[in-house]
Each structure stands twice: as structure tokens, then as C-alpha cells.
């Protein structure tokens, strides 16, 4: 690729990202924050009340962009691959996106943990997540929450990449438990 073509492509990419209308919320949740109570629809069942209905010693709460984004799917499958290690440590996983139920059901077929759907701007406001106005989607917002409902750690992304890795959750929980 010629230098001029590369510069033109980089310019177009930068114009795209600078023209995006993303809403940043400033009330981010950090370590020690109480995770806000919220209801989320789940595939094939009644809404779940976060964080009260989560039953693990630690709970991973993942809000992801949607079924169509490969990084989201890869992350969720990553948690599924180490589900035995998660269960040994009493870690539960819950994930939700803006997807409608039929699309979320596709995701749920690939994993054994609960999948939510229909995440909206109210959820964004509760968590302090980034929201992409143009497509109406939540940016990755991820939390490890203890059984008391307090945030152990959080991760927010203002774009499509940057998310908690399943193996890192194991390392983090092992470290926390070793400190006790």
C-alpha cells in the first residue's frame, strides 16, 4: 500500500472516530462501590435483579456490545472454556447486551451462563458506561462483584476493544483469596 493511500485511510478512520457521538457517563463504579440494583431481561426467563440474584462468592458482570461483534463472542467463549476453574472458585458469570432476545439466544447457545438482553440507556446510567449514540449500543462495561454486592474491580471501554479476560479473572480472584 502506498504512503498516500495509507495516510488517506488513517485520515478517514480518524474522521469516523472523531465524528462519533458517544455519551460518557462520569459516575463510574470503582473498587468498593456498591453495584447498583437493576433489572435485566434474560434469555428464556424472568428478569434478573443485579446484583441481588447473583449467587457466587464472586460474580463477573459483563455488558457487551452485541452478538455480531467478534471480540464480544470471543470473550464470552473464553469464560465458557474455563467454566470448571470458575466454578471451583465459586465465580459466576452474567453477560448482557443491547441485543433483542432472539439474537441473545444465539449467544446463549454457546455458553452455559445466563445471558441478558435489551440493555439500554438506563443500565448505562446505573453503571456509568459509555454509550454509542449512532448505533444505540453500550460499550464494554465489566465488573467483578463480591457476594456483598461491592465492586472488586471494573473495566470500561469507550470503544470496541479492551475487556476483561477470563484467565485474568482467575488470577485476580486467586490473588485476593491469598491475601485473606
Protein backbone atom coordinates (compact mmCIF):
# COMPACT_ATOMS: atom_id res chain seq x y z
CA UNK A 1 0.00 0.00 0.00
CA UNK A 2 1.39 3.38 -0.96
CA UNK A 3 2.13 6.04 1.62
CA UNK A 4 -0.57 8.39 0.28
CA UNK A 5 -3.23 5.65 0.41
CA UNK A 6 -2.22 4.74 3.96
CA UNK A 7 -2.44 8.38 5.06
CA UNK A 8 -5.85 8.73 3.39
CA UNK A 9 -7.15 5.61 5.16
CA UNK A 10 -5.83 6.78 8.53
CA UNK A 11 -7.43 10.17 7.95
CA UNK A 12 -10.81 8.56 7.16
CA UNK A 13 -10.57 6.37 10.26
CA UNK A 14 -9.73 9.34 12.47
CA UNK A 15 -12.64 11.34 10.99
CA UNK A 16 -15.00 8.46 11.70
CA UNK A 17 -13.98 8.19 15.35
CA UNK A 18 -13.89 11.94 15.91
CA UNK A 19 -17.41 12.29 14.48
CA UNK A 20 -18.90 9.60 16.72
CA UNK A 21 -21.38 10.79 19.28
CA UNK A 22 -20.65 8.68 22.30
CA UNK A 23 -22.09 9.58 25.65
CA UNK A 24 -19.68 9.31 28.53
CA UNK A 25 -21.14 8.97 31.96
CA UNK A 26 -18.95 10.21 34.77
CA UNK A 27 -20.32 8.12 37.64
CA UNK A 28 -18.00 5.18 37.04
CA UNK A 29 -18.01 2.32 39.54
CA UNK A 30 -14.68 1.52 41.14
CA UNK A 31 -13.38 -0.81 43.84
CA UNK A 32 -15.59 -0.66 46.92
CA UNK A 33 -18.57 0.89 45.10
CA UNK A 34 -21.89 -0.80 45.69
CA UNK A 35 -23.04 -2.25 42.38
CA UNK A 36 -26.36 -0.54 41.55
CA UNK A 37 -29.56 -2.54 41.72
CA UNK A 38 -31.10 -3.04 38.29
CA UNK A 39 -33.35 -5.48 36.49
CA UNK A 40 -32.14 -7.08 33.26
CA UNK A 41 -34.15 -9.32 30.94
CA UNK A 42 -32.67 -12.78 30.48
CA UNK A 43 -32.98 -15.26 27.66
CA UNK A 44 -35.79 -17.72 28.35
CA UNK A 45 -36.77 -16.44 31.77
CA UNK A 46 -37.93 -13.72 34.08
CA UNK A 47 -35.73 -10.64 34.55
CA UNK A 48 -32.78 -10.99 36.88
CA UNK A 49 -32.12 -8.40 39.57
CA UNK A 50 -28.48 -7.40 39.65
CA UNK A 51 -26.56 -7.87 41.84
CA UNK A 52 -29.02 -9.49 44.29
CA UNK A 53 -29.85 -12.57 42.19
CA UNK A 54 -26.21 -13.48 41.60
CA UNK A 55 -25.17 -16.30 43.86
CA UNK A 56 -21.40 -16.60 43.58
CA UNK A 57 -18.78 -15.68 46.10
CA UNK A 58 -17.59 -13.52 43.20
CA UNK A 59 -19.69 -12.55 40.19
CA UNK A 60 -18.46 -11.39 36.83
CA UNK A 61 -20.92 -8.98 35.22
CA UNK A 62 -20.23 -8.28 31.56
CA UNK A 63 -22.14 -5.76 29.47
CA UNK A 64 -21.02 -6.22 25.88
CA UNK A 65 -21.80 -4.57 22.53
CA UNK A 66 -23.73 -7.33 20.80
CA UNK A 67 -23.88 -10.78 19.27
CA UNK A 68 -22.41 -9.55 16.00
CA UNK A 69 -19.10 -8.27 17.40
CA UNK A 70 -16.36 -10.95 17.26
CA UNK A 71 -14.44 -9.62 20.28
CA UNK A 72 -17.58 -9.96 22.42
CA UNK A 73 -18.21 -13.51 21.29
CA UNK A 74 -14.56 -14.45 21.79
CA UNK A 75 -14.61 -13.05 25.32
CA UNK A 76 -17.77 -14.92 26.27
CA UNK A 77 -16.49 -18.20 24.84
CA UNK A 78 -13.27 -17.60 26.79
CA UNK A 79 -15.27 -17.63 30.02
CA UNK A 80 -17.06 -20.77 28.91
CA UNK A 81 -13.77 -22.55 28.22
CA UNK A 82 -12.65 -22.14 31.83
CA UNK A 83 -16.03 -22.66 33.48
CA UNK A 84 -14.68 -25.51 35.63
CA UNK A 85 -11.99 -23.25 37.09
CA UNK A 86 -14.58 -20.53 37.69
CA UNK A 87 -16.94 -22.98 39.42
CA UNK A 88 -14.11 -24.30 41.65
CA UNK A 89 -13.71 -20.75 42.96
CA UNK A 90 -17.46 -20.08 43.21
CA UNK A 91 -17.31 -17.44 40.48
CA UNK A 92 -20.50 -16.91 38.46
CA UNK A 93 -20.73 -15.11 35.12
CA UNK A 94 -23.58 -12.99 33.80
CA UNK A 95 -23.47 -11.16 30.46
CA UNK A 96 -25.91 -8.80 28.72
CA UNK A 97 -26.07 -6.59 25.63
CA UNK A 98 -28.46 -4.38 23.70
CA UNK A 99 -29.41 -7.36 21.55
CA UNK A 100 -33.06 -8.36 21.23
CA UNK A 101 -33.93 -11.72 22.76
CA UNK A 102 -33.66 -13.74 19.54
CA UNK A 103 -30.10 -12.54 18.92
CA UNK A 104 -29.13 -13.01 22.58
CA UNK A 105 -30.47 -16.56 22.34
CA UNK A 106 -27.81 -17.26 19.67
CA UNK A 107 -25.14 -16.19 22.15
CA UNK A 108 -26.73 -18.23 24.96
CA UNK A 109 -26.38 -21.39 22.83
CA UNK A 110 -22.58 -21.05 23.03
CA UNK A 111 -22.30 -20.63 26.81
CA UNK A 112 -23.67 -22.17 29.99
CA UNK A 113 -24.05 -18.95 31.96
CA UNK A 114 -27.00 -16.55 31.97
CA UNK A 115 -27.31 -14.13 29.05
CA UNK A 116 -29.32 -10.95 29.30
CA UNK A 117 -30.73 -8.82 26.53
CA UNK A 118 -32.18 -5.37 25.92
CA UNK A 119 -29.56 -3.34 27.81
CA UNK A 120 -30.45 0.31 27.49
CA UNK A 121 -29.50 3.83 28.48
CA UNK A 122 -30.93 3.31 31.96
CA UNK A 123 -28.46 0.47 32.51
CA UNK A 124 -25.74 2.74 31.13
CA UNK A 125 -26.66 5.41 33.66
CA UNK A 126 -26.65 2.97 36.57
CA UNK A 127 -23.14 1.76 35.74
CA UNK A 128 -21.58 4.87 34.24
CA UNK A 129 -20.91 3.12 30.92
CA UNK A 130 -20.04 4.63 27.58
CA UNK A 131 -22.91 4.58 25.08
CA UNK A 132 -22.59 4.87 21.33
CA UNK A 133 -25.47 7.05 20.18
CA UNK A 134 -25.13 6.33 16.46
CA UNK A 135 -25.92 2.62 16.82
CA UNK A 136 -27.56 2.68 20.24
CA UNK A 137 -25.19 0.30 21.98
CA UNK A 138 -23.40 0.01 25.26
CA UNK A 139 -19.63 -0.13 25.19
CA UNK A 140 -17.92 -2.92 27.14
CA UNK A 141 -18.51 -2.40 30.86
CA UNK A 142 -17.30 -5.19 33.09
CA UNK A 143 -17.22 -5.81 36.79
CA UNK A 144 -16.17 -8.35 39.36
CA UNK A 145 -18.60 -8.04 42.26
CA UNK A 146 -18.33 -9.84 45.60
CA UNK A 147 -21.19 -11.60 47.38
CA UNK A 148 -21.95 -8.40 49.33
CA UNK A 149 -22.62 -6.60 46.04
CA UNK A 150 -19.48 -4.47 46.13
CA UNK A 151 -17.30 -3.90 43.09
CA UNK A 152 -13.90 -5.58 43.39
CA UNK A 153 -12.69 -4.23 40.07
CA UNK A 154 -14.21 -2.63 36.99
CA UNK A 155 -13.25 -2.13 33.39
CA UNK A 156 -14.81 0.35 30.98
CA UNK A 157 -14.09 0.70 27.30
CA UNK A 158 -15.02 3.71 25.21
CA UNK A 159 -14.81 1.62 22.04
CA UNK A 160 -14.97 -1.92 20.73
CA UNK A 161 -11.78 -3.31 22.24
CA UNK A 162 -10.43 -3.59 25.76
CA UNK A 163 -12.17 -6.07 28.00
CA UNK A 164 -11.63 -8.38 30.98
CA UNK A 165 -10.01 -11.69 30.04
CA UNK A 166 -11.35 -14.85 31.68
CA UNK A 167 -7.90 -16.10 32.71
CA UNK A 168 -7.19 -12.73 34.35
CA UNK A 169 -10.33 -13.09 36.46
CA UNK A 170 -8.96 -16.38 37.83
CA UNK A 171 -5.61 -14.72 38.61
CA UNK A 172 -7.32 -11.77 40.30
CA UNK A 173 -9.55 -13.94 42.50
CA UNK A 174 -6.64 -16.22 43.41
CA UNK A 175 -4.63 -13.17 44.42
CA UNK A 176 -7.49 -11.75 46.51
CA UNK A 177 -8.09 -15.06 48.25
CA UNK A 178 -4.36 -15.45 49.01
CA UNK A 179 -4.44 -12.06 50.77
CA UNK A 180 -7.02 -13.27 53.31
